[in-house]
Full PDB file with SEQRES, HELIX, SHEET, SSBOND, CRYST1, ORIGX, SCALE, CONECT and MASTER records, all heavy atoms in Angstrom:
SEQRES   1 A   30  ILE LEU THR PHE LEU THR PHE SER VAL ILE SER TYR SER          
SEQRES   2 A   30  VAL PHE ALA ASP LEU LYS VAL LEU VAL GLY TYR ASN SER          
SEQRES   3 A   30  GLN ASP PRO VAL                                              
HELIX    1 AA1 LEU A    2  VAL A   14  1                                  13    
CRYST1    1.000    1.000    1.000  90.00  90.00  90.00 P 1           1          
ORIGX1      1.000000  0.000000  0.000000        0.00000                         
ORIGX2      0.000000  1.000000  0.000000        0.00000                         
ORIGX3      0.000000  0.000000  1.000000        0.00000                         
SCALE1      1.000000  0.000000  0.000000        0.00000                         
SCALE2      0.000000  1.000000  0.000000        0.00000                         
SCALE3      0.000000  0.000000  1.000000        0.00000                         
ATOM      1  N   ILE A   1       0.830  -1.202   0.000  1.00  0.00           N  
ATOM      2  CA  ILE A   1       0.000   0.000   0.000  1.00  0.00           C  
ATOM      3  C   ILE A   1       0.866   1.255   0.000  1.00  0.00           C  
ATOM      4  O   ILE A   1       0.634   2.191  -0.762  1.00  0.00           O  
ATOM      5  CB  ILE A   1      -0.948   0.015   1.215  1.00  0.00           C  
ATOM      6  CG1 ILE A   1      -1.978  -1.120   1.078  1.00  0.00           C  
ATOM      7  CG2 ILE A   1      -1.657   1.351   1.329  1.00  0.00           C  
ATOM      8  CD1 ILE A   1      -2.845  -1.305   2.304  1.00  0.00           C  
ATOM      9  N   LEU A   2       1.925   1.258   0.839  1.00  0.00           N  
ATOM     10  CA  LEU A   2       2.825   2.409   0.920  1.00  0.00           C  
ATOM     11  C   LEU A   2       3.524   2.639  -0.421  1.00  0.00           C  
ATOM     12  O   LEU A   2       3.649   3.781  -0.880  1.00  0.00           O  
ATOM     13  CB  LEU A   2       3.862   2.180   2.026  1.00  0.00           C  
ATOM     14  CG  LEU A   2       4.882   3.319   2.237  1.00  0.00           C  
ATOM     15  CD1 LEU A   2       4.167   4.611   2.609  1.00  0.00           C  
ATOM     16  CD2 LEU A   2       5.891   2.922   3.306  1.00  0.00           C  
ATOM     17  N   THR A   3       3.967   1.534  -1.044  1.00  0.00           N  
ATOM     18  CA  THR A   3       4.647   1.639  -2.336  1.00  0.00           C  
ATOM     19  C   THR A   3       3.726   2.224  -3.382  1.00  0.00           C  
ATOM     20  O   THR A   3       4.113   3.094  -4.164  1.00  0.00           O  
ATOM     21  CB  THR A   3       5.137   0.248  -2.799  1.00  0.00           C  
ATOM     22  OG1 THR A   3       6.043  -0.263  -1.827  1.00  0.00           O  
ATOM     23  CG2 THR A   3       5.837   0.343  -4.149  1.00  0.00           C  
ATOM     24  N   PHE A   4       2.466   1.760  -3.393  1.00  0.00           N  
ATOM     25  CA  PHE A   4       1.515   2.245  -4.380  1.00  0.00           C  
ATOM     26  C   PHE A   4       1.199   3.722  -4.165  1.00  0.00           C  
ATOM     27  O   PHE A   4       1.125   4.503  -5.108  1.00  0.00           O  
ATOM     28  CB  PHE A   4       0.224   1.422  -4.355  1.00  0.00           C  
ATOM     29  CG  PHE A   4      -0.825   1.953  -5.277  1.00  0.00           C  
ATOM     30  CD1 PHE A   4      -0.646   1.891  -6.650  1.00  0.00           C  
ATOM     31  CD2 PHE A   4      -1.976   2.541  -4.781  1.00  0.00           C  
ATOM     32  CE1 PHE A   4      -1.594   2.386  -7.526  1.00  0.00           C  
ATOM     33  CE2 PHE A   4      -2.939   3.047  -5.644  1.00  0.00           C  
ATOM     34  CZ  PHE A   4      -2.746   2.965  -7.016  1.00  0.00           C  
ATOM     35  N   LEU A   5       1.031   4.118  -2.897  1.00  0.00           N  
ATOM     36  CA  LEU A   5       0.712   5.515  -2.617  1.00  0.00           C  
ATOM     37  C   LEU A   5       1.869   6.421  -3.037  1.00  0.00           C  
ATOM     38  O   LEU A   5       1.675   7.485  -3.625  1.00  0.00           O  
ATOM     39  CB  LEU A   5       0.404   5.700  -1.129  1.00  0.00           C  
ATOM     40  CG  LEU A   5      -0.927   5.100  -0.649  1.00  0.00           C  
ATOM     41  CD1 LEU A   5      -1.039   5.231   0.859  1.00  0.00           C  
ATOM     42  CD2 LEU A   5      -2.111   5.766  -1.337  1.00  0.00           C  
ATOM     43  N   THR A   6       3.097   5.991  -2.727  1.00  0.00           N  
ATOM     44  CA  THR A   6       4.282   6.753  -3.117  1.00  0.00           C  
ATOM     45  C   THR A   6       4.372   6.850  -4.630  1.00  0.00           C  
ATOM     46  O   THR A   6       4.639   7.904  -5.206  1.00  0.00           O  
ATOM     47  CB  THR A   6       5.564   6.086  -2.565  1.00  0.00           C  
ATOM     48  OG1 THR A   6       5.434   5.963  -1.154  1.00  0.00           O  
ATOM     49  CG2 THR A   6       6.788   6.910  -2.916  1.00  0.00           C  
ATOM     50  N   PHE A   7       4.118   5.724  -5.286  1.00  0.00           N  
ATOM     51  CA  PHE A   7       4.143   5.643  -6.745  1.00  0.00           C  
ATOM     52  C   PHE A   7       3.153   6.626  -7.344  1.00  0.00           C  
ATOM     53  O   PHE A   7       3.455   7.363  -8.266  1.00  0.00           O  
ATOM     54  CB  PHE A   7       3.795   4.207  -7.165  1.00  0.00           C  
ATOM     55  CG  PHE A   7       3.469   4.048  -8.618  1.00  0.00           C  
ATOM     56  CD1 PHE A   7       4.471   3.882  -9.553  1.00  0.00           C  
ATOM     57  CD2 PHE A   7       2.147   4.048  -9.052  1.00  0.00           C  
ATOM     58  CE1 PHE A   7       4.180   3.717 -10.899  1.00  0.00           C  
ATOM     59  CE2 PHE A   7       1.846   3.883 -10.380  1.00  0.00           C  
ATOM     60  CZ  PHE A   7       2.866   3.721 -11.305  1.00  0.00           C  
ATOM     61  N   SER A   8       1.948   6.666  -6.772  1.00  0.00           N  
ATOM     62  CA  SER A   8       0.887   7.518  -7.298  1.00  0.00           C  
ATOM     63  C   SER A   8       1.260   8.987  -7.177  1.00  0.00           C  
ATOM     64  O   SER A   8       1.096   9.765  -8.109  1.00  0.00           O  
ATOM     65  CB  SER A   8      -0.426   7.258  -6.558  1.00  0.00           C  
ATOM     66  OG  SER A   8      -0.830   5.918  -6.728  1.00  0.00           O  
ATOM     67  N   VAL A   9       1.775   9.393  -5.993  1.00  0.00           N  
ATOM     68  CA  VAL A   9       2.120  10.799  -5.768  1.00  0.00           C  
ATOM     69  C   VAL A   9       3.222  11.244  -6.720  1.00  0.00           C  
ATOM     70  O   VAL A   9       3.129  12.289  -7.368  1.00  0.00           O  
ATOM     71  CB  VAL A   9       2.569  11.015  -4.304  1.00  0.00           C  
ATOM     72  CG1 VAL A   9       3.126  12.406  -4.131  1.00  0.00           C  
ATOM     73  CG2 VAL A   9       1.384  10.786  -3.361  1.00  0.00           C  
ATOM     74  N   ILE A  10       4.269  10.431  -6.827  1.00  0.00           N  
ATOM     75  CA  ILE A  10       5.391  10.798  -7.690  1.00  0.00           C  
ATOM     76  C   ILE A  10       4.960  10.840  -9.142  1.00  0.00           C  
ATOM     77  O   ILE A  10       5.229  11.790  -9.871  1.00  0.00           O  
ATOM     78  CB  ILE A  10       6.563   9.796  -7.514  1.00  0.00           C  
ATOM     79  CG1 ILE A  10       7.123   9.881  -6.096  1.00  0.00           C  
ATOM     80  CG2 ILE A  10       7.656  10.069  -8.533  1.00  0.00           C  
ATOM     81  CD1 ILE A  10       8.174   8.842  -5.785  1.00  0.00           C  
ATOM     82  N   SER A  11       4.225   9.792  -9.604  1.00  0.00           N  
ATOM     83  CA  SER A  11       3.888   9.673 -11.007  1.00  0.00           C  
ATOM     84  C   SER A  11       2.927  10.755 -11.449  1.00  0.00           C  
ATOM     85  O   SER A  11       3.065  11.326 -12.525  1.00  0.00           O  
ATOM     86  CB  SER A  11       3.280   8.282 -11.276  1.00  0.00           C  
ATOM     87  OG  SER A  11       4.216   7.284 -10.951  1.00  0.00           O  
ATOM     88  N   TYR A  12       1.917  11.036 -10.633  1.00  0.00           N  
ATOM     89  CA  TYR A  12       0.946  12.046 -11.019  1.00  0.00           C  
ATOM     90  C   TYR A  12       1.602  13.415 -11.158  1.00  0.00           C  
ATOM     91  O   TYR A  12       1.194  14.218 -11.986  1.00  0.00           O  
ATOM     92  CB  TYR A  12      -0.193  12.110  -9.993  1.00  0.00           C  
ATOM     93  CG  TYR A  12      -1.311  11.169 -10.297  1.00  0.00           C  
ATOM     94  CD1 TYR A  12      -1.189   9.817  -9.996  1.00  0.00           C  
ATOM     95  CD2 TYR A  12      -2.477  11.620 -10.897  1.00  0.00           C  
ATOM     96  CE1 TYR A  12      -2.216   8.935 -10.287  1.00  0.00           C  
ATOM     97  CE2 TYR A  12      -3.517  10.738 -11.184  1.00  0.00           C  
ATOM     98  CZ  TYR A  12      -3.388   9.395 -10.879  1.00  0.00           C  
ATOM     99  OH  TYR A  12      -4.396   8.519 -11.171  1.00  0.00           O  
ATOM    100  N   SER A  13       2.621  13.695 -10.346  1.00  0.00           N  
ATOM    101  CA  SER A  13       3.285  14.990 -10.425  1.00  0.00           C  
ATOM    102  C   SER A  13       4.140  15.111 -11.674  1.00  0.00           C  
ATOM    103  O   SER A  13       4.428  16.210 -12.135  1.00  0.00           O  
ATOM    104  CB  SER A  13       4.164  15.194  -9.185  1.00  0.00           C  
ATOM    105  OG  SER A  13       5.221  14.251  -9.159  1.00  0.00           O  
ATOM    106  N   VAL A  14       4.545  13.975 -12.250  1.00  0.00           N  
ATOM    107  CA  VAL A  14       5.389  13.983 -13.431  1.00  0.00           C  
ATOM    108  C   VAL A  14       4.591  14.338 -14.680  1.00  0.00           C  
ATOM    109  O   VAL A  14       5.056  15.062 -15.543  1.00  0.00           O  
ATOM    110  CB  VAL A  14       6.067  12.600 -13.610  1.00  0.00           C  
ATOM    111  CG1 VAL A  14       6.737  12.498 -14.972  1.00  0.00           C  
ATOM    112  CG2 VAL A  14       7.074  12.355 -12.500  1.00  0.00           C  
ATOM    113  N   PHE A  15       3.354  13.833 -14.769  1.00  0.00           N  
ATOM    114  CA  PHE A  15       2.561  14.010 -15.970  1.00  0.00           C  
ATOM    115  C   PHE A  15       1.549  15.134 -15.795  1.00  0.00           C  
ATOM    116  O   PHE A  15       0.508  14.973 -15.171  1.00  0.00           O  
ATOM    117  CB  PHE A  15       1.843  12.706 -16.324  1.00  0.00           C  
ATOM    118  CG  PHE A  15       2.768  11.661 -16.879  1.00  0.00           C  
ATOM    119  CD1 PHE A  15       3.442  10.789 -16.036  1.00  0.00           C  
ATOM    120  CD2 PHE A  15       2.995  11.574 -18.238  1.00  0.00           C  
ATOM    121  CE1 PHE A  15       4.312   9.844 -16.549  1.00  0.00           C  
ATOM    122  CE2 PHE A  15       3.864  10.625 -18.765  1.00  0.00           C  
ATOM    123  CZ  PHE A  15       4.530   9.758 -17.923  1.00  0.00           C  
ATOM    124  N   ALA A  16       1.872  16.281 -16.388  1.00  0.00           N  
ATOM    125  CA  ALA A  16       0.964  17.423 -16.308  1.00  0.00           C  
ATOM    126  C   ALA A  16      -0.254  17.214 -17.202  1.00  0.00           C  
ATOM    127  O   ALA A  16      -1.341  17.697 -16.913  1.00  0.00           O  
ATOM    128  CB  ALA A  16       1.701  18.686 -16.720  1.00  0.00           C  
ATOM    129  N   ASP A  17      -0.055  16.465 -18.306  1.00  0.00           N  
ATOM    130  CA  ASP A  17      -1.128  16.257 -19.276  1.00  0.00           C  
ATOM    131  C   ASP A  17      -1.695  14.848 -19.168  1.00  0.00           C  
ATOM    132  O   ASP A  17      -1.870  14.154 -20.162  1.00  0.00           O  
ATOM    133  CB  ASP A  17      -0.603  16.518 -20.688  1.00  0.00           C  
ATOM    134  CG  ASP A  17      -1.726  16.562 -21.717  1.00  0.00           C  
ATOM    135  OD1 ASP A  17      -2.850  16.925 -21.339  1.00  0.00           O  
ATOM    136  OD2 ASP A  17      -1.466  16.213 -22.885  1.00  0.00           O  
ATOM    137  N   LEU A  18      -1.969  14.396 -17.959  1.00  0.00           N  
ATOM    138  CA  LEU A  18      -2.501  13.056 -17.731  1.00  0.00           C  
ATOM    139  C   LEU A  18      -3.928  12.974 -18.273  1.00  0.00           C  
ATOM    140  O   LEU A  18      -4.763  13.824 -17.973  1.00  0.00           O  
ATOM    141  CB  LEU A  18      -2.497  12.756 -16.233  1.00  0.00           C  
ATOM    142  CG  LEU A  18      -2.581  11.293 -15.793  1.00  0.00           C  
ATOM    143  CD1 LEU A  18      -1.361  10.522 -16.249  1.00  0.00           C  
ATOM    144  CD2 LEU A  18      -2.693  11.225 -14.274  1.00  0.00           C  
ATOM    145  N   LYS A  19      -4.208  11.961 -19.086  1.00  0.00           N  
ATOM    146  CA  LYS A  19      -5.540  11.793 -19.662  1.00  0.00           C  
ATOM    147  C   LYS A  19      -6.459  11.134 -18.637  1.00  0.00           C  
ATOM    148  O   LYS A  19      -6.211  10.011 -18.196  1.00  0.00           O  
ATOM    149  CB  LYS A  19      -5.477  10.935 -20.927  1.00  0.00           C  
ATOM    150  CG  LYS A  19      -4.576  11.493 -22.027  1.00  0.00           C  
ATOM    151  CD  LYS A  19      -5.052  12.840 -22.516  1.00  0.00           C  
ATOM    152  CE  LYS A  19      -4.119  13.384 -23.586  1.00  0.00           C  
ATOM    153  NZ  LYS A  19      -4.473  14.755 -23.986  1.00  0.00           N  
ATOM    154  N   VAL A  20      -7.513  11.811 -18.257  1.00  0.00           N  
ATOM    155  CA  VAL A  20      -8.444  11.317 -17.243  1.00  0.00           C  
ATOM    156  C   VAL A  20      -9.561  10.526 -17.922  1.00  0.00           C  
ATOM    157  O   VAL A  20     -10.232  11.032 -18.829  1.00  0.00           O  
ATOM    158  CB  VAL A  20      -9.048  12.479 -16.432  1.00  0.00           C  
ATOM    159  CG1 VAL A  20     -10.068  11.957 -15.425  1.00  0.00           C  
ATOM    160  CG2 VAL A  20      -7.941  13.257 -15.720  1.00  0.00           C  
ATOM    161  N   LEU A  21      -9.750   9.292 -17.496  1.00  0.00           N  
ATOM    162  CA  LEU A  21     -10.806   8.438 -18.054  1.00  0.00           C  
ATOM    163  C   LEU A  21     -12.070   8.632 -17.228  1.00  0.00           C  
ATOM    164  O   LEU A  21     -12.244   8.017 -16.172  1.00  0.00           O  
ATOM    165  CB  LEU A  21     -10.366   6.974 -18.043  1.00  0.00           C  
ATOM    166  CG  LEU A  21      -9.142   6.638 -18.912  1.00  0.00           C  
ATOM    167  CD1 LEU A  21      -8.795   5.160 -18.788  1.00  0.00           C  
ATOM    168  CD2 LEU A  21      -9.386   7.012 -20.372  1.00  0.00           C  
ATOM    169  N   VAL A  22     -12.937   9.486 -17.698  1.00  0.00           N  
ATOM    170  CA  VAL A  22     -14.171   9.808 -16.985  1.00  0.00           C  
ATOM    171  C   VAL A  22     -15.100   8.589 -16.968  1.00  0.00           C  
ATOM    172  O   VAL A  22     -15.313   7.945 -17.994  1.00  0.00           O  
ATOM    173  CB  VAL A  22     -14.890  10.999 -17.656  1.00  0.00           C  
ATOM    174  CG1 VAL A  22     -16.196  11.311 -16.941  1.00  0.00           C  
ATOM    175  CG2 VAL A  22     -13.975  12.215 -17.674  1.00  0.00           C  
ATOM    176  N   GLY A  23     -15.614   8.264 -15.779  1.00  0.00           N  
ATOM    177  CA  GLY A  23     -16.557   7.161 -15.652  1.00  0.00           C  
ATOM    178  C   GLY A  23     -15.930   5.789 -15.527  1.00  0.00           C  
ATOM    179  O   GLY A  23     -16.639   4.780 -15.483  1.00  0.00           O  
ATOM    180  N   TYR A  24     -14.590   5.742 -15.467  1.00  0.00           N  
ATOM    181  CA  TYR A  24     -13.919   4.445 -15.304  1.00  0.00           C  
ATOM    182  C   TYR A  24     -14.069   3.993 -13.852  1.00  0.00           C  
ATOM    183  O   TYR A  24     -13.611   4.667 -12.928  1.00  0.00           O  
ATOM    184  CB  TYR A  24     -12.442   4.564 -15.669  1.00  0.00           C  
ATOM    185  CG  TYR A  24     -11.696   3.245 -15.681  1.00  0.00           C  
ATOM    186  CD1 TYR A  24     -11.589   2.500 -16.847  1.00  0.00           C  
ATOM    187  CD2 TYR A  24     -11.094   2.752 -14.530  1.00  0.00           C  
ATOM    188  CE1 TYR A  24     -10.904   1.292 -16.877  1.00  0.00           C  
ATOM    189  CE2 TYR A  24     -10.401   1.555 -14.540  1.00  0.00           C  
ATOM    190  CZ  TYR A  24     -10.310   0.826 -15.714  1.00  0.00           C  
ATOM    191  OH  TYR A  24      -9.620  -0.372 -15.725  1.00  0.00           O  
ATOM    192  N   ASN A  25     -14.718   2.869 -13.654  1.00  0.00           N  
ATOM    193  CA  ASN A  25     -15.032   2.387 -12.303  1.00  0.00           C  
ATOM    194  C   ASN A  25     -13.834   1.637 -11.725  1.00  0.00           C  
ATOM    195  O   ASN A  25     -13.836   0.415 -11.607  1.00  0.00           O  
ATOM    196  CB  ASN A  25     -16.269   1.486 -12.354  1.00  0.00           C  
ATOM    197  CG  ASN A  25     -16.809   1.157 -10.967  1.00  0.00           C  
ATOM    198  OD1 ASN A  25     -16.390   1.751  -9.972  1.00  0.00           O  
ATOM    199  ND2 ASN A  25     -17.723   0.217 -10.891  1.00  0.00           N  
ATOM    200  N   SER A  26     -12.785   2.392 -11.366  1.00  0.00           N  
ATOM    201  CA  SER A  26     -11.541   1.795 -10.905  1.00  0.00           C  
ATOM    202  C   SER A  26     -11.693   1.173  -9.519  1.00  0.00           C  
ATOM    203  O   SER A  26     -12.314   1.753  -8.632  1.00  0.00           O  
ATOM    204  CB  SER A  26     -10.439   2.850 -10.873  1.00  0.00           C  
ATOM    205  OG  SER A  26      -9.213   2.284 -10.455  1.00  0.00           O  
ATOM    206  N   GLN A  27     -11.102  -0.014  -9.336  1.00  0.00           N  
ATOM    207  CA  GLN A  27     -11.100  -0.696  -8.041  1.00  0.00           C  
ATOM    208  C   GLN A  27      -9.691  -0.743  -7.457  1.00  0.00           C  
ATOM    209  O   GLN A  27      -9.458  -0.409  -6.303  1.00  0.00           O  
ATOM    210  CB  GLN A  27     -11.651  -2.116  -8.205  1.00  0.00           C  
ATOM    211  CG  GLN A  27     -13.111  -2.158  -8.637  1.00  0.00           C  
ATOM    212  CD  GLN A  27     -13.543  -3.552  -9.089  1.00  0.00           C  
ATOM    213  OE1 GLN A  27     -13.795  -3.782 -10.254  1.00  0.00           O  
ATOM    214  NE2 GLN A  27     -13.623  -4.479  -8.148  1.00  0.00           N  
ATOM    215  N   ASP A  28      -8.751  -1.152  -8.285  1.00  0.00           N  
ATOM    216  CA  ASP A  28      -7.354  -1.309  -7.898  1.00  0.00           C  
ATOM    217  C   ASP A  28      -6.595  -1.588  -9.188  1.00  0.00           C  
ATOM    218  O   ASP A  28      -7.138  -2.246 -10.087  1.00  0.00           O  
ATOM    219  CB  ASP A  28      -7.206  -2.486  -6.922  1.00  0.00           C  
ATOM    220  CG  ASP A  28      -5.760  -2.781  -6.592  1.00  0.00           C  
ATOM    221  OD1 ASP A  28      -5.125  -3.551  -7.352  1.00  0.00           O  
ATOM    222  OD2 ASP A  28      -5.266  -2.235  -5.607  1.00  0.00           O  
ATOM    223  N   PRO A  29      -5.374  -1.097  -9.342  1.00  0.00           N  
ATOM    224  CA  PRO A  29      -4.637  -1.329 -10.593  1.00  0.00           C  
ATOM    225  C   PRO A  29      -4.534  -2.801 -10.983  1.00  0.00           C  
ATOM    226  O   PRO A  29      -4.556  -3.127 -12.169  1.00  0.00           O  
ATOM    227  CB  PRO A  29      -3.257  -0.739 -10.296  1.00  0.00           C  
ATOM    228  CG  PRO A  29      -3.507   0.314  -9.283  1.00  0.00           C  
ATOM    229  CD  PRO A  29      -4.620  -0.225  -8.423  1.00  0.00           C  
ATOM    230  N   VAL A  30      -4.410  -3.681  -9.981  1.00  0.00           N  
ATOM    231  CA  VAL A  30      -4.300  -5.111 -10.284  1.00  0.00           C  
ATOM    232  C   VAL A  30      -5.646  -5.674 -10.729  1.00  0.00           C  
ATOM    233  O   VAL A  30      -5.755  -6.353 -11.752  1.00  0.00           O  
ATOM    234  CB  VAL A  30      -3.768  -5.887  -9.062  1.00  0.00           C  
ATOM    235  CG1 VAL A  30      -3.657  -7.367  -9.387  1.00  0.00           C  
ATOM    236  CG2 VAL A  30      -2.420  -5.338  -8.625  1.00  0.00           C  
TER     237      VAL A  30                                                      
MASTER        0    0    0    1    0    0    0    6  236    1    0    3          
END                                                                             
């Protein structure tokens, strides 16, 4: 969980133009 949270914070800050998938019913990356 800690690794994933760290991954998310770092990665999201890298991509300014991240494409958001509206309506995607995300549960977990796996």
